[in-house]
Amino acid sequence: MHPEDKEKTAFICPLGFFEFNRMPQGLTGAPATFQRLMEKTVGDMNLIEVLVYLDDIIVFGKTLEEHEQRLEKVLKRLHEEGLKLSLEKCQFCLPSVTYLGHVVSAEGVSTDPRKLEAVASWPRPRNVTELRSFLGFCSYYRRFVGGFAKIAQPLNKLLQKETTEEGCKVSDRNPSAPGPRKAKESIQGEWTSQCEGAFVKLKENLTRAPVLAYADPHKPYELHVDASREGLGGVLYQEYDGLLRPVAYVSRSLAPSEKNYPTHKLEFLALKWQWWTS
């Protein structure tokens, strides 16, 4: 750490007064600072020849020779910056790797089977905390699920203090007090068939998620959109070997004012929104 910044990390304990000489990962700005360092280290290789997320680096190439050349460049730049690698955590020249909960291979990007093992046996949520945990996990992989927002809508309604006639029935709450519910508040009495259907469908769709193709900026894209009273959705495709392959799925719920739109306006809204998100 810079000498002038060391005092900002000072703390007192029974053994005395201490300051850090190296940046600890517990500081608020530590992850962002470390990410900037890593991106500066790989320089012009970032996003083109390598992907960097904190201390996770993935080097890719179309051929073994290209991969080895890029790997050598990365190792050289790390050495020049005085950064060291843990050999036990390194993997070299593999056809596929697990990276940030995804499996990255020549075929594309897929979900990590080890992560999704928990989904298949996930028990029905009993309270708000457990439901948030389930939806948070599923949302991390939402780009693999078509119409995610529409499917999850009955479950998301359980997280809000509002009375509704469709989806999940809410009877014991004050409709004049909108906002998030208490963490340990039970939802078992409000769990309807719509909620159960959404819960099961999300688990099924995640365990059967497709392999997403890599976006190729040199190929044309094909955008499919859809709109309904439940939300907007779309799929971005590219053609590979004569077949359309999904690059990503996106979806969102409608804002209160958007629910009053006529059908044709919703379709145009989906097209406009998908164009910007793609």
C-alpha atoms as a PDB file:
ATOM      1  CA  MET A   1       0.000   0.000   0.000  1.00  0.00           C
ATOM      2  CA  HIS A   2       1.062   3.593  -0.536  1.00  0.00           C
ATOM      3  CA  PRO A   3       2.649   4.955   2.678  1.00  0.00           C
ATOM      4  CA  GLU A   4       0.099   7.793   2.827  1.00  0.00           C
ATOM      5  CA  ASP A   5      -2.811   5.318   2.702  1.00  0.00           C
ATOM      6  CA  LYS A   6      -1.641   2.894   5.372  1.00  0.00           C
ATOM      7  CA  GLU A   7      -3.097   4.957   8.213  1.00  0.00           C
ATOM      8  CA  LYS A   8      -6.558   4.536   6.646  1.00  0.00           C
ATOM      9  CA  THR A   9      -6.392   0.820   7.467  1.00  0.00           C
ATOM     10  CA  ALA A  10      -5.378   1.294  11.103  1.00  0.00           C
ATOM     11  CA  PHE A  11      -7.086  -0.676  13.847  1.00  0.00           C
ATOM     12  CA  ILE A  12      -6.620  -1.243  17.575  1.00  0.00           C
ATOM     13  CA  CYS A  13      -6.629  -4.579  19.357  1.00  0.00           C
ATOM     14  CA  PRO A  14      -5.349  -5.844  22.761  1.00  0.00           C
ATOM     15  CA  LEU A  15      -1.902  -6.340  21.201  1.00  0.00           C
ATOM     16  CA  GLY A  16      -1.598  -2.727  20.129  1.00  0.00           C
ATOM     17  CA  PHE A  17      -2.091  -0.375  17.180  1.00  0.00           C
ATOM     18  CA  PHE A  18      -1.625  -1.824  13.678  1.00  0.00           C
ATOM     19  CA  GLU A  19      -1.679  -0.728  10.025  1.00  0.00           C
ATOM     20  CA  PHE A  20      -1.712  -2.900   6.918  1.00  0.00           C
ATOM     21  CA  ASN A  21       1.350  -2.898   4.644  1.00  0.00           C
ATOM     22  CA  ARG A  22      -0.580  -4.664   1.882  1.00  0.00           C
ATOM     23  CA  MET A  23      -4.176  -4.094   0.862  1.00  0.00           C
ATOM     24  CA  PRO A  24      -6.522  -6.426   2.788  1.00  0.00           C
ATOM     25  CA  GLN A  25      -9.515  -7.810   0.896  1.00  0.00           C
ATOM     26  CA  GLY A  26     -11.847  -6.730   3.688  1.00  0.00           C
ATOM     27  CA  LEU A  27     -11.725  -3.050   2.717  1.00  0.00           C
ATOM     28  CA  THR A  28     -14.747  -1.628   0.898  1.00  0.00           C
ATOM     29  CA  GLY A  29     -12.766  -0.521  -2.135  1.00  0.00           C
ATOM     30  CA  ALA A  30     -10.385  -3.486  -2.224  1.00  0.00           C
ATOM     31  CA  PRO A  31     -12.212  -5.592  -4.871  1.00  0.00           C
ATOM     32  CA  ALA A  32     -12.550  -2.654  -7.281  1.00  0.00           C
ATOM     33  CA  THR A  33      -8.907  -1.665  -6.761  1.00  0.00           C
ATOM     34  CA  PHE A  34      -7.720  -5.218  -7.346  1.00  0.00           C
ATOM     35  CA  GLN A  35      -9.890  -5.542 -10.463  1.00  0.00           C
ATOM     36  CA  ARG A  36      -8.373  -2.361 -11.912  1.00  0.00           C
ATOM     37  CA  LEU A  37      -4.889  -3.725 -11.216  1.00  0.00           C
ATOM     38  CA  MET A  38      -5.658  -6.998 -13.015  1.00  0.00           C
ATOM     39  CA  GLU A  39      -7.216  -5.245 -16.012  1.00  0.00           C
ATOM     40  CA  LYS A  40      -4.202  -2.937 -16.221  1.00  0.00           C
ATOM     41  CA  THR A  41      -1.889  -5.959 -16.041  1.00  0.00           C
ATOM     42  CA  VAL A  42      -3.433  -7.852 -18.968  1.00  0.00           C
ATOM     43  CA  GLY A  43      -3.919  -4.575 -20.845  1.00  0.00           C
ATOM     44  CA  ASP A  44      -5.113  -4.898 -24.437  1.00  0.00           C
ATOM     45  CA  MET A  45      -5.634  -8.652 -24.012  1.00  0.00           C
ATOM     46  CA  ASN A  46      -8.670  -8.130 -21.766  1.00  0.00           C
ATOM     47  CA  LEU A  47     -11.986  -9.381 -23.226  1.00  0.00           C
ATOM     48  CA  ILE A  48     -10.225 -10.348 -26.473  1.00  0.00           C
ATOM     49  CA  GLU A  49      -7.734 -12.992 -25.390  1.00  0.00           C
ATOM     50  CA  VAL A  50      -8.439 -13.304 -21.657  1.00  0.00           C
ATOM     51  CA  LEU A  51     -11.226 -12.761 -19.136  1.00  0.00           C
ATOM     52  CA  VAL A  52     -10.387 -11.376 -15.714  1.00  0.00           C
ATOM     53  CA  TYR A  53     -12.552 -11.298 -12.601  1.00  0.00           C
ATOM     54  CA  LEU A  54     -10.470 -10.436  -9.539  1.00  0.00           C
ATOM     55  CA  ASP A  55      -8.045 -13.344  -9.061  1.00  0.00           C
ATOM     56  CA  ASP A  56      -9.759 -15.600 -11.629  1.00  0.00           C
ATOM     57  CA  ILE A  57      -8.157 -15.457 -15.083  1.00  0.00           C
ATOM     58  CA  ILE A  58      -9.250 -17.498 -18.081  1.00  0.00           C
ATOM     59  CA  VAL A  59      -7.075 -17.578 -21.208  1.00  0.00           C
ATOM     60  CA  PHE A  60      -8.720 -18.858 -24.387  1.00  0.00           C
ATOM     61  CA  GLY A  61      -7.702 -19.605 -27.962  1.00  0.00           C
ATOM     62  CA  LYS A  62      -9.010 -21.325 -31.086  1.00  0.00           C
ATOM     63  CA  THR A  63      -5.984 -23.620 -31.347  1.00  0.00           C
ATOM     64  CA  LEU A  64      -3.473 -25.088 -28.910  1.00  0.00           C
ATOM     65  CA  GLU A  65      -0.699 -22.968 -30.428  1.00  0.00           C
ATOM     66  CA  GLU A  66      -2.731 -19.766 -30.064  1.00  0.00           C
ATOM     67  CA  HIS A  67      -3.648 -20.688 -26.500  1.00  0.00           C
ATOM     68  CA  GLU A  68      -0.007 -21.291 -25.558  1.00  0.00           C
ATOM     69  CA  GLN A  69       1.080 -17.967 -27.076  1.00  0.00           C
ATOM     70  CA  ARG A  70      -1.572 -16.060 -25.141  1.00  0.00           C
ATOM     71  CA  LEU A  71      -0.811 -17.953 -21.950  1.00  0.00           C
ATOM     72  CA  GLU A  72       2.857 -17.028 -22.249  1.00  0.00           C
ATOM     73  CA  LYS A  73       1.931 -13.358 -22.698  1.00  0.00           C
ATOM     74  CA  VAL A  74      -0.275 -13.410 -19.598  1.00  0.00           C
ATOM     75  CA  LEU A  75       2.383 -15.091 -17.459  1.00  0.00           C
ATOM     76  CA  LYS A  76       4.973 -12.567 -18.618  1.00  0.00           C
ATOM     77  CA  ARG A  77       2.745  -9.611 -17.746  1.00  0.00           C
ATOM     78  CA  LEU A  78       1.921 -11.035 -14.328  1.00  0.00           C
ATOM     79  CA  HIS A  79       5.643 -11.499 -13.669  1.00  0.00           C
ATOM     80  CA  GLU A  80       6.390  -7.922 -14.725  1.00  0.00           C
ATOM     81  CA  GLU A  81       3.825  -6.644 -12.190  1.00  0.00           C
ATOM     82  CA  GLY A  82       5.253  -8.825  -9.427  1.00  0.00           C
ATOM     83  CA  LEU A  83       2.103 -10.947  -9.168  1.00  0.00           C
ATOM     84  CA  LYS A  84       2.364 -14.611  -8.248  1.00  0.00           C
ATOM     85  CA  LEU A  85       0.140 -17.592  -9.078  1.00  0.00           C
ATOM     86  CA  SER A  86      -0.798 -20.599  -6.966  1.00  0.00           C
ATOM     87  CA  LEU A  87       0.196 -23.603  -9.075  1.00  0.00           C
ATOM     88  CA  GLU A  88      -2.281 -25.832  -7.213  1.00  0.00           C
ATOM     89  CA  LYS A  89      -5.159 -23.635  -8.405  1.00  0.00           C
ATOM     90  CA  CYS A  90      -3.995 -23.410 -12.038  1.00  0.00           C
ATOM     91  CA  GLN A  91      -5.277 -25.548 -14.908  1.00  0.00           C
ATOM     92  CA  PHE A  92      -3.655 -25.557 -18.324  1.00  0.00           C
ATOM     93  CA  CYS A  93      -4.746 -26.470 -21.876  1.00  0.00           C
ATOM     94  CA  LEU A  94      -8.201 -27.821 -21.024  1.00  0.00           C
ATOM     95  CA  PRO A  95     -11.099 -28.194 -23.512  1.00  0.00           C
ATOM     96  CA  SER A  96     -13.494 -26.751 -20.915  1.00  0.00           C
ATOM     97  CA  VAL A  97     -13.205 -24.979 -17.570  1.00  0.00           C
ATOM     98  CA  THR A  98     -15.539 -23.988 -14.757  1.00  0.00           C
ATOM     99  CA  TYR A  99     -15.516 -20.212 -14.375  1.00  0.00           C
ATOM    100  CA  LEU A 100     -17.706 -18.183 -12.007  1.00  0.00           C
ATOM    101  CA  GLY A 101     -20.380 -20.863 -11.823  1.00  0.00           C
ATOM    102  CA  HIS A 102     -20.387 -21.527 -15.568  1.00  0.00           C
ATOM    103  CA  VAL A 103     -18.791 -24.126 -17.807  1.00  0.00           C
ATOM    104  CA  VAL A 104     -16.894 -22.456 -20.656  1.00  0.00           C
ATOM    105  CA  SER A 105     -15.973 -24.611 -23.649  1.00  0.00           C
ATOM    106  CA  ALA A 106     -15.631 -24.513 -27.419  1.00  0.00           C
ATOM    107  CA  GLU A 107     -19.386 -25.221 -27.664  1.00  0.00           C
ATOM    108  CA  GLY A 108     -20.363 -22.153 -25.664  1.00  0.00           C
ATOM    109  CA  VAL A 109     -21.339 -21.267 -22.099  1.00  0.00           C
ATOM    110  CA  SER A 110     -23.458 -23.552 -19.931  1.00  0.00           C
ATOM    111  CA  THR A 111     -24.502 -23.773 -16.304  1.00  0.00           C
ATOM    112  CA  ASP A 112     -22.263 -25.573 -13.832  1.00  0.00           C
ATOM    113  CA  PRO A 113     -23.843 -29.006 -13.137  1.00  0.00           C
ATOM    114  CA  ARG A 114     -22.377 -29.022  -9.636  1.00  0.00           C
ATOM    115  CA  LYS A 115     -24.133 -25.763  -8.794  1.00  0.00           C
ATOM    116  CA  LEU A 116     -27.441 -26.991 -10.187  1.00  0.00           C
ATOM    117  CA  GLU A 117     -27.406 -30.184  -8.155  1.00  0.00           C
ATOM    118  CA  ALA A 118     -28.740 -28.078  -5.304  1.00  0.00           C
ATOM    119  CA  VAL A 119     -31.657 -26.860  -7.441  1.00  0.00           C
ATOM    120  CA  ALA A 120     -33.046 -30.307  -8.199  1.00  0.00           C
ATOM    121  CA  SER A 121     -33.403 -31.095  -4.491  1.00  0.00           C
ATOM    122  CA  TRP A 122     -34.198 -27.561  -3.292  1.00  0.00           C
ATOM    123  CA  PRO A 123     -37.005 -27.782  -0.687  1.00  0.00           C
ATOM    124  CA  ARG A 124     -40.086 -25.611  -0.915  1.00  0.00           C
ATOM    125  CA  PRO A 125     -39.350 -22.218   0.730  1.00  0.00           C
ATOM    126  CA  ARG A 126     -41.088 -21.752   4.073  1.00  0.00           C
ATOM    127  CA  ASN A 127     -40.391 -18.069   4.699  1.00  0.00           C
ATOM    128  CA  VAL A 128     -39.271 -14.887   2.969  1.00  0.00           C
ATOM    129  CA  THR A 129     -35.568 -15.534   3.621  1.00  0.00           C
ATOM    130  CA  GLU A 130     -35.651 -18.977   2.018  1.00  0.00           C
ATOM    131  CA  LEU A 131     -37.651 -17.683  -0.957  1.00  0.00           C
ATOM    132  CA  ARG A 132     -35.196 -14.827  -1.524  1.00  0.00           C
ATOM    133  CA  SER A 133     -32.338 -17.317  -1.400  1.00  0.00           C
ATOM    134  CA  PHE A 134     -33.982 -19.500  -4.048  1.00  0.00           C
ATOM    135  CA  LEU A 135     -34.859 -16.602  -6.357  1.00  0.00           C
ATOM    136  CA  GLY A 136     -31.404 -15.093  -5.932  1.00  0.00           C
ATOM    137  CA  PHE A 137     -29.769 -18.347  -6.983  1.00  0.00           C
ATOM    138  CA  CYS A 138     -32.083 -18.738  -9.977  1.00  0.00           C
ATOM    139  CA  SER A 139     -31.624 -15.114 -11.050  1.00  0.00           C
ATOM    140  CA  TYR A 140     -27.876 -15.658 -11.393  1.00  0.00           C
ATOM    141  CA  TYR A 141     -28.667 -18.025 -14.283  1.00  0.00           C
ATOM    142  CA  ARG A 142     -31.694 -16.165 -15.662  1.00  0.00           C
ATOM    143  CA  ARG A 143     -30.076 -15.562 -19.062  1.00  0.00           C
ATOM    144  CA  PHE A 144     -30.354 -19.322 -19.632  1.00  0.00           C
ATOM    145  CA  VAL A 145     -34.136 -19.351 -19.054  1.00  0.00           C
ATOM    146  CA  GLY A 146     -36.635 -17.988 -21.561  1.00  0.00           C
ATOM    147  CA  GLY A 147     -39.367 -15.858 -19.966  1.00  0.00           C
ATOM    148  CA  PHE A 148     -37.729 -15.972 -16.545  1.00  0.00           C
ATOM    149  CA  ALA A 149     -39.572 -12.906 -15.226  1.00  0.00           C
ATOM    150  CA  LYS A 150     -42.966 -14.288 -16.249  1.00  0.00           C
ATOM    151  CA  ILE A 151     -42.281 -17.690 -14.677  1.00  0.00           C
ATOM    152  CA  ALA A 152     -41.015 -16.207 -11.411  1.00  0.00           C
ATOM    153  CA  GLN A 153     -43.787 -13.624 -11.102  1.00  0.00           C
ATOM    154  CA  PRO A 154     -45.983 -15.581  -8.621  1.00  0.00           C
ATOM    155  CA  LEU A 155     -42.954 -16.064  -6.355  1.00  0.00           C
ATOM    156  CA  ASN A 156     -41.863 -12.436  -6.562  1.00  0.00           C
ATOM    157  CA  LYS A 157     -45.362 -11.355  -5.528  1.00  0.00           C
ATOM    158  CA  LEU A 158     -44.893 -13.177  -2.243  1.00  0.00           C
ATOM    159  CA  LEU A 159     -42.022 -10.851  -1.380  1.00  0.00           C
ATOM    160  CA  GLN A 160     -44.150  -7.710  -1.477  1.00  0.00           C
ATOM    161  CA  LYS A 161     -46.702  -6.336   0.962  1.00  0.00           C
ATOM    162  CA  GLU A 162     -49.548  -5.819  -1.442  1.00  0.00           C
ATOM    163  CA  THR A 163     -52.956  -7.349  -2.054  1.00  0.00           C
ATOM    164  CA  THR A 164     -53.484  -8.976  -5.445  1.00  0.00           C
ATOM    165  CA  GLU A 165     -56.227 -11.014  -7.059  1.00  0.00           C
ATOM    166  CA  GLU A 166     -53.997 -12.999  -9.373  1.00  0.00           C
ATOM    167  CA  GLY A 167     -50.942 -15.144  -8.788  1.00  0.00           C
ATOM    168  CA  CYS A 168     -50.448 -15.686  -5.060  1.00  0.00           C
ATOM    169  CA  LYS A 169     -53.276 -14.835  -2.676  1.00  0.00           C
ATOM    170  CA  VAL A 170     -52.440 -12.325   0.046  1.00  0.00           C
ATOM    171  CA  SER A 171     -55.012 -12.020   2.811  1.00  0.00           C
ATOM    172  CA  ASP A 172     -53.322 -11.217   6.112  1.00  0.00           C
ATOM    173  CA  ARG A 173     -51.379  -8.064   5.197  1.00  0.00           C
ATOM    174  CA  ASN A 174     -52.094  -4.371   5.333  1.00  0.00           C
ATOM    175  CA  PRO A 175     -52.503  -3.183   1.711  1.00  0.00           C
ATOM    176  CA  SER A 176     -51.655   0.370   2.751  1.00  0.00           C
ATOM    177  CA  ALA A 177     -48.125  -0.671   3.756  1.00  0.00           C
ATOM    178  CA  PRO A 178     -46.222  -1.524   0.563  1.00  0.00           C
ATOM    179  CA  GLY A 179     -42.612  -2.624   0.610  1.00  0.00           C
ATOM    180  CA  PRO A 180     -40.500  -5.684   1.377  1.00  0.00           C
ATOM    181  CA  ARG A 181     -41.649  -8.241   3.909  1.00  0.00           C
ATOM    182  CA  LYS A 182     -39.823  -9.295   7.072  1.00  0.00           C
ATOM    183  CA  ALA A 183     -37.077 -11.861   6.547  1.00  0.00           C
ATOM    184  CA  LYS A 184     -38.522 -14.649   8.712  1.00  0.00           C
ATOM    185  CA  GLU A 185     -42.173 -13.990   7.819  1.00  0.00           C
ATOM    186  CA  SER A 186     -43.883 -17.269   6.911  1.00  0.00           C
ATOM    187  CA  ILE A 187     -45.275 -17.737   3.399  1.00  0.00           C
ATOM    188  CA  GLN A 188     -46.609 -21.272   3.803  1.00  0.00           C
ATOM    189  CA  GLY A 189     -50.222 -20.123   4.182  1.00  0.00           C
ATOM    190  CA  GLU A 190     -49.996 -18.130   0.936  1.00  0.00           C
ATOM    191  CA  TRP A 191     -48.293 -20.798  -1.176  1.00  0.00           C
ATOM    192  CA  THR A 192     -50.773 -21.477  -3.989  1.00  0.00           C
ATOM    193  CA  SER A 193     -50.796 -23.805  -6.979  1.00  0.00           C
ATOM    194  CA  GLN A 194     -49.421 -20.933  -9.106  1.00  0.00           C
ATOM    195  CA  CYS A 195     -46.502 -20.568  -6.712  1.00  0.00           C
ATOM    196  CA  GLU A 196     -45.843 -24.301  -6.733  1.00  0.00           C
ATOM    197  CA  GLY A 197     -45.986 -24.361 -10.526  1.00  0.00           C
ATOM    198  CA  ALA A 198     -43.502 -21.482 -10.781  1.00  0.00           C
ATOM    199  CA  PHE A 199     -41.186 -23.137  -8.264  1.00  0.00           C
ATOM    200  CA  VAL A 200     -41.186 -26.460 -10.126  1.00  0.00           C
ATOM    201  CA  LYS A 201     -40.866 -24.861 -13.574  1.00  0.00           C
ATOM    202  CA  LEU A 202     -37.860 -22.769 -12.568  1.00  0.00           C
ATOM    203  CA  LYS A 203     -36.100 -25.861 -11.258  1.00  0.00           C
ATOM    204  CA  GLU A 204     -36.902 -27.834 -14.414  1.00  0.00           C
ATOM    205  CA  ASN A 205     -35.783 -25.050 -16.763  1.00  0.00           C
ATOM    206  CA  LEU A 206     -32.506 -24.549 -14.930  1.00  0.00           C
ATOM    207  CA  THR A 207     -31.622 -28.242 -14.869  1.00  0.00           C
ATOM    208  CA  ARG A 208     -32.345 -28.412 -18.623  1.00  0.00           C
ATOM    209  CA  ALA A 209     -30.730 -25.098 -19.531  1.00  0.00           C
ATOM    210  CA  PRO A 210     -29.262 -24.907 -23.058  1.00  0.00           C
ATOM    211  CA  VAL A 211     -25.659 -24.188 -23.979  1.00  0.00           C
ATOM    212  CA  LEU A 212     -25.498 -20.538 -25.025  1.00  0.00           C
ATOM    213  CA  ALA A 213     -23.458 -19.701 -28.099  1.00  0.00           C
ATOM    214  CA  TYR A 214     -20.749 -17.052 -28.054  1.00  0.00           C
ATOM    215  CA  ALA A 215     -21.775 -13.791 -29.661  1.00  0.00           C
ATOM    216  CA  ASP A 216     -19.850 -13.308 -32.897  1.00  0.00           C
ATOM    217  CA  PRO A 217     -19.732  -9.589 -33.840  1.00  0.00           C
ATOM    218  CA  HIS A 218     -18.970 -10.539 -37.441  1.00  0.00           C
ATOM    219  CA  LYS A 219     -22.230 -12.485 -37.866  1.00  0.00           C
ATOM    220  CA  PRO A 220     -25.774 -11.094 -38.122  1.00  0.00           C
ATOM    221  CA  TYR A 221     -28.046 -11.342 -35.100  1.00  0.00           C
ATOM    222  CA  GLU A 222     -31.676 -12.418 -34.996  1.00  0.00           C
ATOM    223  CA  LEU A 223     -33.836 -11.003 -32.223  1.00  0.00           C
ATOM    224  CA  HIS A 224     -37.132 -12.632 -31.187  1.00  0.00           C
ATOM    225  CA  VAL A 225     -39.385 -10.717 -28.780  1.00  0.00           C
ATOM    226  CA  ASP A 226     -42.661 -11.374 -27.005  1.00  0.00           C
ATOM    227  CA  ALA A 227     -44.965  -9.377 -24.759  1.00  0.00           C
ATOM    228  CA  SER A 228     -47.902 -10.197 -22.512  1.00  0.00           C
ATOM    229  CA  ARG A 229     -49.694  -8.795 -19.478  1.00  0.00           C
ATOM    230  CA  GLU A 230     -47.147 -10.615 -17.317  1.00  0.00           C
ATOM    231  CA  GLY A 231     -43.995  -9.118 -18.829  1.00  0.00           C
ATOM    232  CA  LEU A 232     -41.569  -8.732 -21.716  1.00  0.00           C
ATOM    233  CA  GLY A 233     -39.186 -11.327 -23.055  1.00  0.00           C
ATOM    234  CA  GLY A 234     -36.751 -11.936 -25.851  1.00  0.00           C
ATOM    235  CA  VAL A 235     -34.079 -14.201 -27.245  1.00  0.00           C
ATOM    236  CA  LEU A 236     -30.960 -13.181 -29.141  1.00  0.00           C
ATOM    237  CA  TYR A 237     -29.920 -15.745 -31.761  1.00  0.00           C
ATOM    238  CA  GLN A 238     -27.057 -16.303 -34.181  1.00  0.00           C
ATOM    239  CA  GLU A 239     -26.780 -18.922 -36.891  1.00  0.00           C
ATOM    240  CA  TYR A 240     -24.175 -21.679 -36.574  1.00  0.00           C
ATOM    241  CA  ASP A 241     -23.967 -24.528 -39.093  1.00  0.00           C
ATOM    242  CA  GLY A 242     -27.387 -23.670 -40.471  1.00  0.00           C
ATOM    243  CA  LEU A 243     -29.088 -23.672 -37.056  1.00  0.00           C
ATOM    244  CA  LEU A 244     -30.161 -20.773 -34.860  1.00  0.00           C
ATOM    245  CA  ARG A 245     -28.498 -20.938 -31.452  1.00  0.00           C
ATOM    246  CA  PRO A 246     -29.474 -18.780 -28.468  1.00  0.00           C
ATOM    247  CA  VAL A 247     -26.882 -16.289 -27.285  1.00  0.00           C
ATOM    248  CA  ALA A 248     -28.944 -15.014 -24.342  1.00  0.00           C
ATOM    249  CA  TYR A 249     -32.463 -14.863 -22.932  1.00  0.00           C
ATOM    250  CA  VAL A 250     -33.732 -11.666 -21.304  1.00  0.00           C
ATOM    251  CA  SER A 251     -37.022 -10.778 -19.627  1.00  0.00           C
ATOM    252  CA  ARG A 252     -38.584  -8.371 -17.168  1.00  0.00           C
ATOM    253  CA  SER A 253     -41.904  -7.646 -15.499  1.00  0.00           C
ATOM    254  CA  LEU A 254     -44.130  -4.767 -16.514  1.00  0.00           C
ATOM    255  CA  ALA A 255     -44.180  -1.489 -14.623  1.00  0.00           C
ATOM    256  CA  PRO A 256     -47.620  -0.564 -13.192  1.00  0.00           C
ATOM    257  CA  SER A 257     -48.226   2.028 -15.918  1.00  0.00           C
ATOM    258  CA  GLU A 258     -47.184  -0.406 -18.668  1.00  0.00           C
ATOM    259  CA  LYS A 259     -49.903  -2.866 -17.656  1.00  0.00           C
ATOM    260  CA  ASN A 260     -52.441  -0.455 -19.156  1.00  0.00           C
ATOM    261  CA  TYR A 261     -50.815  -0.536 -22.602  1.00  0.00           C
ATOM    262  CA  PRO A 262     -52.745  -2.115 -25.487  1.00  0.00           C
ATOM    263  CA  THR A 263     -51.307  -5.304 -26.986  1.00  0.00           C
ATOM    264  CA  HIS A 264     -49.671  -3.667 -30.009  1.00  0.00           C
ATOM    265  CA  LYS A 265     -47.946  -1.086 -27.798  1.00  0.00           C
ATOM    266  CA  LEU A 266     -46.598  -3.834 -25.543  1.00  0.00           C
ATOM    267  CA  GLU A 267     -45.101  -5.582 -28.576  1.00  0.00           C
ATOM    268  CA  PHE A 268     -43.368  -2.374 -29.651  1.00  0.00           C
ATOM    269  CA  LEU A 269     -42.212  -1.823 -26.077  1.00  0.00           C
ATOM    270  CA  ALA A 270     -40.652  -5.300 -26.079  1.00  0.00           C
ATOM    271  CA  LEU A 271     -38.899  -4.564 -29.359  1.00  0.00           C
ATOM    272  CA  LYS A 272     -37.570  -1.213 -28.124  1.00  0.00           C
ATOM    273  CA  TRP A 273     -36.404  -2.642 -24.788  1.00  0.00           C
ATOM    274  CA  GLN A 274     -34.762  -5.677 -26.383  1.00  0.00           C
ATOM    275  CA  TRP A 275     -32.922  -3.478 -28.872  1.00  0.00           C
ATOM    276  CA  TRP A 276     -31.326  -1.495 -26.038  1.00  0.00           C
ATOM    277  CA  THR A 277     -30.502  -4.495 -23.843  1.00  0.00           C
ATOM    278  CA  SER A 278     -29.006  -6.425 -26.766  1.00  0.00           C
END
